[in-house]
Amino acid sequence: MNFADYQSQAVKTAVYRDEDRIVYPALGLLSEAGEVAGKIKKILRDKNGDFSVEDRWAIADEAGDVLWYIAALCEDMGTPMELLAQRNIDKLNSRMARGVIQGSGDNR
């Protein structure tokens, strides 16, 4: 499945008010990313970082929810996910070519 197909299908399941566009999926994205982090934290704490196949699928399921919120946010902003992905790769390739892939700051 490509990003365009995913975004098209995912947004059909979006159930939130028009006046909550952009804000609702942004908050959901934070919440789901926290769930990913929480699952990983508990594996570090309870299993000494030993990620079972089941653990990996549970994390992947939460990452899928992150992807859904990204699709919804992109839709609300009028941005195709494919464009988002391409712009990100272009930025990373530029940083790599200029030798600034490491470090911090948006404008490297």
N, C-alpha and C. Protein backbone atom coordinates (compact mmCIF):
# COMPACT_ATOMS: atom_id res chain seq x y z
N MET A 1 0.85 -1.18 0.00
CA MET A 1 0.00 0.00 0.00
C MET A 1 0.89 1.24 0.00
N ASN A 2 0.52 2.23 -0.79
CA ASN A 2 1.28 3.47 -0.79
C ASN A 2 0.62 4.51 0.12
N PHE A 3 1.32 5.60 0.34
CA PHE A 3 0.80 6.62 1.26
C PHE A 3 -0.52 7.22 0.79
N ALA A 4 -0.67 7.44 -0.50
CA ALA A 4 -1.92 8.04 -1.00
C ALA A 4 -3.10 7.13 -0.71
N ASP A 5 -2.92 5.85 -0.97
CA ASP A 5 -4.01 4.90 -0.69
C ASP A 5 -4.30 4.83 0.80
N TYR A 6 -3.25 4.79 1.61
CA TYR A 6 -3.45 4.73 3.06
C TYR A 6 -4.20 5.96 3.55
N GLN A 7 -3.75 7.13 3.14
CA GLN A 7 -4.37 8.37 3.60
C GLN A 7 -5.84 8.41 3.19
N SER A 8 -6.11 8.03 1.96
CA SER A 8 -7.49 8.03 1.46
C SER A 8 -8.38 7.10 2.27
N GLN A 9 -7.88 5.92 2.58
CA GLN A 9 -8.67 4.96 3.34
C GLN A 9 -8.76 5.32 4.81
N ALA A 10 -7.67 5.80 5.37
CA ALA A 10 -7.64 6.12 6.80
C ALA A 10 -8.61 7.24 7.15
N VAL A 11 -8.65 8.28 6.34
CA VAL A 11 -9.48 9.43 6.70
C VAL A 11 -10.97 9.12 6.61
N LYS A 12 -11.31 8.04 5.95
CA LYS A 12 -12.73 7.63 5.92
C LYS A 12 -13.21 7.22 7.30
N THR A 13 -12.27 6.89 8.18
CA THR A 13 -12.63 6.45 9.53
C THR A 13 -12.50 7.57 10.56
N ALA A 14 -12.18 8.77 10.11
CA ALA A 14 -12.01 9.90 11.03
C ALA A 14 -13.36 10.36 11.55
N VAL A 15 -13.48 10.42 12.87
CA VAL A 15 -14.73 10.86 13.49
C VAL A 15 -14.40 11.94 14.51
N TYR A 16 -14.38 13.17 14.05
CA TYR A 16 -14.21 14.31 14.95
C TYR A 16 -14.79 15.54 14.27
N ARG A 17 -15.09 16.54 15.07
CA ARG A 17 -15.78 17.73 14.57
C ARG A 17 -14.87 18.54 13.64
N ASP A 18 -15.48 19.17 12.65
CA ASP A 18 -14.72 20.02 11.73
C ASP A 18 -13.95 21.11 12.47
N GLU A 19 -14.53 21.65 13.51
CA GLU A 19 -13.85 22.72 14.25
C GLU A 19 -12.65 22.21 15.04
N ASP A 20 -12.50 20.90 15.13
CA ASP A 20 -11.35 20.31 15.81
C ASP A 20 -10.28 19.82 14.84
N ARG A 21 -10.46 20.17 13.57
CA ARG A 21 -9.48 19.76 12.56
C ARG A 21 -8.09 20.28 12.96
N ILE A 22 -7.10 19.58 12.61
CA ILE A 22 -5.68 19.83 12.91
C ILE A 22 -5.39 19.58 14.39
N VAL A 23 -6.13 20.18 15.30
CA VAL A 23 -5.85 20.04 16.72
C VAL A 23 -6.11 18.61 17.19
N TYR A 24 -7.26 18.04 16.83
CA TYR A 24 -7.60 16.70 17.28
C TYR A 24 -6.56 15.67 16.85
N PRO A 25 -6.20 15.61 15.56
CA PRO A 25 -5.19 14.60 15.19
C PRO A 25 -3.81 14.90 15.77
N ALA A 26 -3.48 16.17 15.98
CA ALA A 26 -2.18 16.49 16.59
C ALA A 26 -2.13 15.97 18.02
N LEU A 27 -3.21 16.14 18.77
CA LEU A 27 -3.26 15.62 20.14
C LEU A 27 -3.27 14.10 20.14
N GLY A 28 -4.00 13.50 19.21
CA GLY A 28 -4.01 12.05 19.11
C GLY A 28 -2.64 11.50 18.77
N LEU A 29 -1.92 12.19 17.91
CA LEU A 29 -0.57 11.78 17.55
C LEU A 29 0.33 11.75 18.78
N LEU A 30 0.25 12.78 19.60
CA LEU A 30 1.04 12.80 20.84
C LEU A 30 0.66 11.66 21.76
N SER A 31 -0.64 11.42 21.89
CA SER A 31 -1.12 10.36 22.76
C SER A 31 -0.64 8.99 22.31
N GLU A 32 -0.76 8.71 21.03
CA GLU A 32 -0.35 7.41 20.50
C GLU A 32 1.17 7.24 20.55
N ALA A 33 1.92 8.30 20.28
CA ALA A 33 3.37 8.22 20.39
C ALA A 33 3.76 7.91 21.83
N GLY A 34 3.03 8.47 22.78
CA GLY A 34 3.25 8.16 24.18
C GLY A 34 2.99 6.70 24.50
N GLU A 35 1.98 6.12 23.84
CA GLU A 35 1.70 4.70 24.05
C GLU A 35 2.84 3.84 23.52
N VAL A 36 3.40 4.22 22.38
CA VAL A 36 4.57 3.50 21.84
C VAL A 36 5.69 3.56 22.87
N ALA A 37 5.98 4.76 23.34
CA ALA A 37 7.07 4.93 24.32
C ALA A 37 6.78 4.16 25.60
N GLY A 38 5.54 4.17 26.05
CA GLY A 38 5.18 3.46 27.27
C GLY A 38 5.40 1.97 27.17
N LYS A 39 5.03 1.39 26.05
CA LYS A 39 5.24 -0.05 25.86
C LYS A 39 6.74 -0.38 25.88
N ILE A 40 7.52 0.44 25.22
CA ILE A 40 8.97 0.21 25.19
C ILE A 40 9.56 0.37 26.59
N LYS A 41 9.14 1.40 27.30
CA LYS A 41 9.63 1.63 28.67
C LYS A 41 9.35 0.44 29.57
N LYS A 42 8.15 -0.12 29.46
CA LYS A 42 7.80 -1.26 30.31
C LYS A 42 8.61 -2.50 29.96
N ILE A 43 8.95 -2.66 28.69
CA ILE A 43 9.79 -3.80 28.30
C ILE A 43 11.20 -3.61 28.85
N LEU A 44 11.69 -2.38 28.84
CA LEU A 44 13.00 -2.11 29.43
C LEU A 44 12.97 -2.40 30.93
N ARG A 45 11.91 -1.97 31.60
CA ARG A 45 11.80 -2.13 33.04
C ARG A 45 11.54 -3.58 33.44
N ASP A 46 10.58 -4.21 32.77
CA ASP A 46 10.10 -5.52 33.21
C ASP A 46 10.80 -6.71 32.54
N LYS A 47 11.39 -6.49 31.38
CA LYS A 47 11.97 -7.60 30.62
C LYS A 47 13.42 -7.36 30.24
N ASN A 48 14.06 -6.39 30.91
CA ASN A 48 15.45 -6.05 30.62
C ASN A 48 15.71 -5.78 29.14
N GLY A 49 14.72 -5.19 28.48
CA GLY A 49 14.88 -4.84 27.07
C GLY A 49 14.80 -6.01 26.12
N ASP A 50 14.29 -7.14 26.57
CA ASP A 50 14.14 -8.31 25.70
C ASP A 50 12.78 -8.22 25.00
N PHE A 51 12.79 -7.80 23.76
CA PHE A 51 11.57 -7.59 22.98
C PHE A 51 11.14 -8.88 22.32
N SER A 52 10.05 -9.46 22.79
CA SER A 52 9.51 -10.68 22.17
C SER A 52 8.82 -10.31 20.86
N VAL A 53 8.49 -11.32 20.10
CA VAL A 53 7.73 -11.10 18.86
C VAL A 53 6.40 -10.44 19.19
N GLU A 54 5.76 -10.90 20.25
CA GLU A 54 4.48 -10.31 20.65
C GLU A 54 4.64 -8.84 21.05
N ASP A 55 5.72 -8.53 21.77
CA ASP A 55 6.00 -7.14 22.15
C ASP A 55 6.17 -6.27 20.91
N ARG A 56 6.92 -6.78 19.95
CA ARG A 56 7.17 -6.01 18.73
C ARG A 56 5.88 -5.75 17.97
N TRP A 57 4.98 -6.74 17.92
CA TRP A 57 3.70 -6.52 17.24
C TRP A 57 2.83 -5.53 18.01
N ALA A 58 2.87 -5.58 19.33
CA ALA A 58 2.09 -4.63 20.13
C ALA A 58 2.58 -3.20 19.88
N ILE A 59 3.90 -3.04 19.81
CA ILE A 59 4.47 -1.72 19.51
C ILE A 59 4.10 -1.31 18.08
N ALA A 60 4.19 -2.25 17.16
CA ALA A 60 3.83 -1.96 15.77
C ALA A 60 2.37 -1.53 15.66
N ASP A 61 1.48 -2.16 16.43
CA ASP A 61 0.07 -1.76 16.39
C ASP A 61 -0.09 -0.32 16.85
N GLU A 62 0.63 0.06 17.89
CA GLU A 62 0.58 1.46 18.36
C GLU A 62 1.19 2.39 17.32
N ALA A 63 2.27 1.96 16.67
CA ALA A 63 2.87 2.78 15.62
C ALA A 63 1.89 2.95 14.46
N GLY A 64 1.08 1.94 14.20
CA GLY A 64 0.03 2.07 13.18
C GLY A 64 -0.97 3.15 13.56
N ASP A 65 -1.29 3.25 14.84
CA ASP A 65 -2.18 4.32 15.30
C ASP A 65 -1.53 5.68 15.11
N VAL A 66 -0.22 5.77 15.34
CA VAL A 66 0.52 7.00 15.07
C VAL A 66 0.39 7.37 13.60
N LEU A 67 0.53 6.36 12.73
CA LEU A 67 0.41 6.59 11.29
C LEU A 67 -0.97 7.11 10.93
N TRP A 68 -2.01 6.58 11.58
CA TRP A 68 -3.38 7.03 11.31
C TRP A 68 -3.51 8.52 11.64
N TYR A 69 -2.99 8.92 12.78
CA TYR A 69 -3.09 10.33 13.17
C TYR A 69 -2.27 11.23 12.25
N ILE A 70 -1.15 10.73 11.76
CA ILE A 70 -0.38 11.50 10.77
C ILE A 70 -1.21 11.68 9.51
N ALA A 71 -1.87 10.62 9.07
CA ALA A 71 -2.72 10.71 7.88
C ALA A 71 -3.84 11.73 8.09
N ALA A 72 -4.48 11.69 9.24
CA ALA A 72 -5.56 12.62 9.53
C ALA A 72 -5.05 14.06 9.59
N LEU A 73 -3.91 14.26 10.23
CA LEU A 73 -3.32 15.60 10.31
C LEU A 73 -2.97 16.11 8.92
N CYS A 74 -2.35 15.27 8.12
CA CYS A 74 -2.01 15.67 6.75
C CYS A 74 -3.27 16.03 5.97
N GLU A 75 -4.30 15.22 6.10
CA GLU A 75 -5.55 15.50 5.40
C GLU A 75 -6.12 16.85 5.82
N ASP A 76 -6.12 17.11 7.12
CA ASP A 76 -6.66 18.38 7.63
C ASP A 76 -5.85 19.58 7.14
N MET A 77 -4.56 19.37 6.89
CA MET A 77 -3.71 20.46 6.42
C MET A 77 -3.68 20.54 4.89
N GLY A 78 -4.33 19.59 4.23
CA GLY A 78 -4.31 19.57 2.77
C GLY A 78 -2.98 19.14 2.21
N THR A 79 -2.28 18.29 2.96
CA THR A 79 -0.95 17.84 2.57
C THR A 79 -0.97 16.34 2.30
N PRO A 80 -0.64 15.92 1.10
CA PRO A 80 -0.55 14.48 0.84
C PRO A 80 0.61 13.87 1.64
N MET A 81 0.38 12.70 2.21
CA MET A 81 1.43 12.03 2.97
C MET A 81 2.66 11.77 2.11
N GLU A 82 2.45 11.50 0.83
CA GLU A 82 3.59 11.26 -0.06
C GLU A 82 4.48 12.50 -0.14
N LEU A 83 3.86 13.69 -0.16
CA LEU A 83 4.64 14.93 -0.18
C LEU A 83 5.39 15.10 1.13
N LEU A 84 4.72 14.82 2.23
CA LEU A 84 5.35 14.90 3.54
C LEU A 84 6.58 14.00 3.60
N ALA A 85 6.43 12.76 3.14
CA ALA A 85 7.53 11.80 3.14
C ALA A 85 8.67 12.28 2.25
N GLN A 86 8.35 12.77 1.07
CA GLN A 86 9.39 13.21 0.13
C GLN A 86 10.14 14.42 0.67
N ARG A 87 9.42 15.38 1.25
CA ARG A 87 10.08 16.56 1.82
C ARG A 87 11.01 16.17 2.95
N ASN A 88 10.60 15.19 3.75
CA ASN A 88 11.44 14.75 4.85
C ASN A 88 12.71 14.07 4.33
N ILE A 89 12.58 13.21 3.33
CA ILE A 89 13.75 12.55 2.75
C ILE A 89 14.68 13.58 2.11
N ASP A 90 14.10 14.56 1.41
CA ASP A 90 14.92 15.61 0.81
C ASP A 90 15.72 16.37 1.87
N LYS A 91 15.06 16.69 2.98
CA LYS A 91 15.73 17.40 4.07
C LYS A 91 16.87 16.56 4.64
N LEU A 92 16.60 15.28 4.89
CA LEU A 92 17.62 14.41 5.46
C LEU A 92 18.79 14.20 4.50
N ASN A 93 18.49 14.03 3.22
CA ASN A 93 19.56 13.88 2.23
C ASN A 93 20.41 15.14 2.13
N SER A 94 19.77 16.29 2.23
CA SER A 94 20.52 17.55 2.20
C SER A 94 21.45 17.66 3.41
N ARG A 95 20.94 17.30 4.58
CA ARG A 95 21.77 17.34 5.77
C ARG A 95 22.94 16.37 5.66
N MET A 96 22.67 15.20 5.12
CA MET A 96 23.73 14.20 4.95
C MET A 96 24.80 14.73 4.00
N ALA A 97 24.37 15.31 2.88
CA ALA A 97 25.31 15.82 1.89
C ALA A 97 26.15 16.98 2.45
N ARG A 98 25.57 17.77 3.34
CA ARG A 98 26.29 18.90 3.93
C ARG A 98 27.02 18.54 5.21
N GLY A 99 26.93 17.26 5.61
CA GLY A 99 27.64 16.81 6.81
C GLY A 99 27.05 17.30 8.10
N VAL A 100 25.74 17.59 8.10
CA VAL A 100 25.09 18.08 9.33
C VAL A 100 23.94 17.18 9.75
N ILE A 101 24.03 15.91 9.42
CA ILE A 101 22.94 14.97 9.79
C ILE A 101 22.88 14.81 11.30
N GLN A 102 24.02 14.90 11.98
CA GLN A 102 24.02 14.85 13.44
C GLN A 102 23.90 16.25 13.98
N GLY A 103 23.52 16.34 15.23
CA GLY A 103 23.37 17.63 15.85
C GLY A 103 21.91 17.94 16.10
N SER A 104 21.64 19.19 16.40
CA SER A 104 20.26 19.56 16.68
C SER A 104 19.95 20.88 15.99
N GLY A 105 18.68 21.17 15.93
CA GLY A 105 18.22 22.39 15.29
C GLY A 105 17.53 22.10 13.98
N ASP A 106 16.50 22.86 13.72
CA ASP A 106 15.72 22.68 12.49
C ASP A 106 16.47 23.15 11.25
N ASN A 107 17.25 24.19 11.38
CA ASN A 107 17.89 24.81 10.23
C ASN A 107 19.36 24.41 10.13
N ARG A 108 19.59 23.12 9.94
CA ARG A 108 20.96 22.64 9.79
C ARG A 108 21.27 22.47 8.34
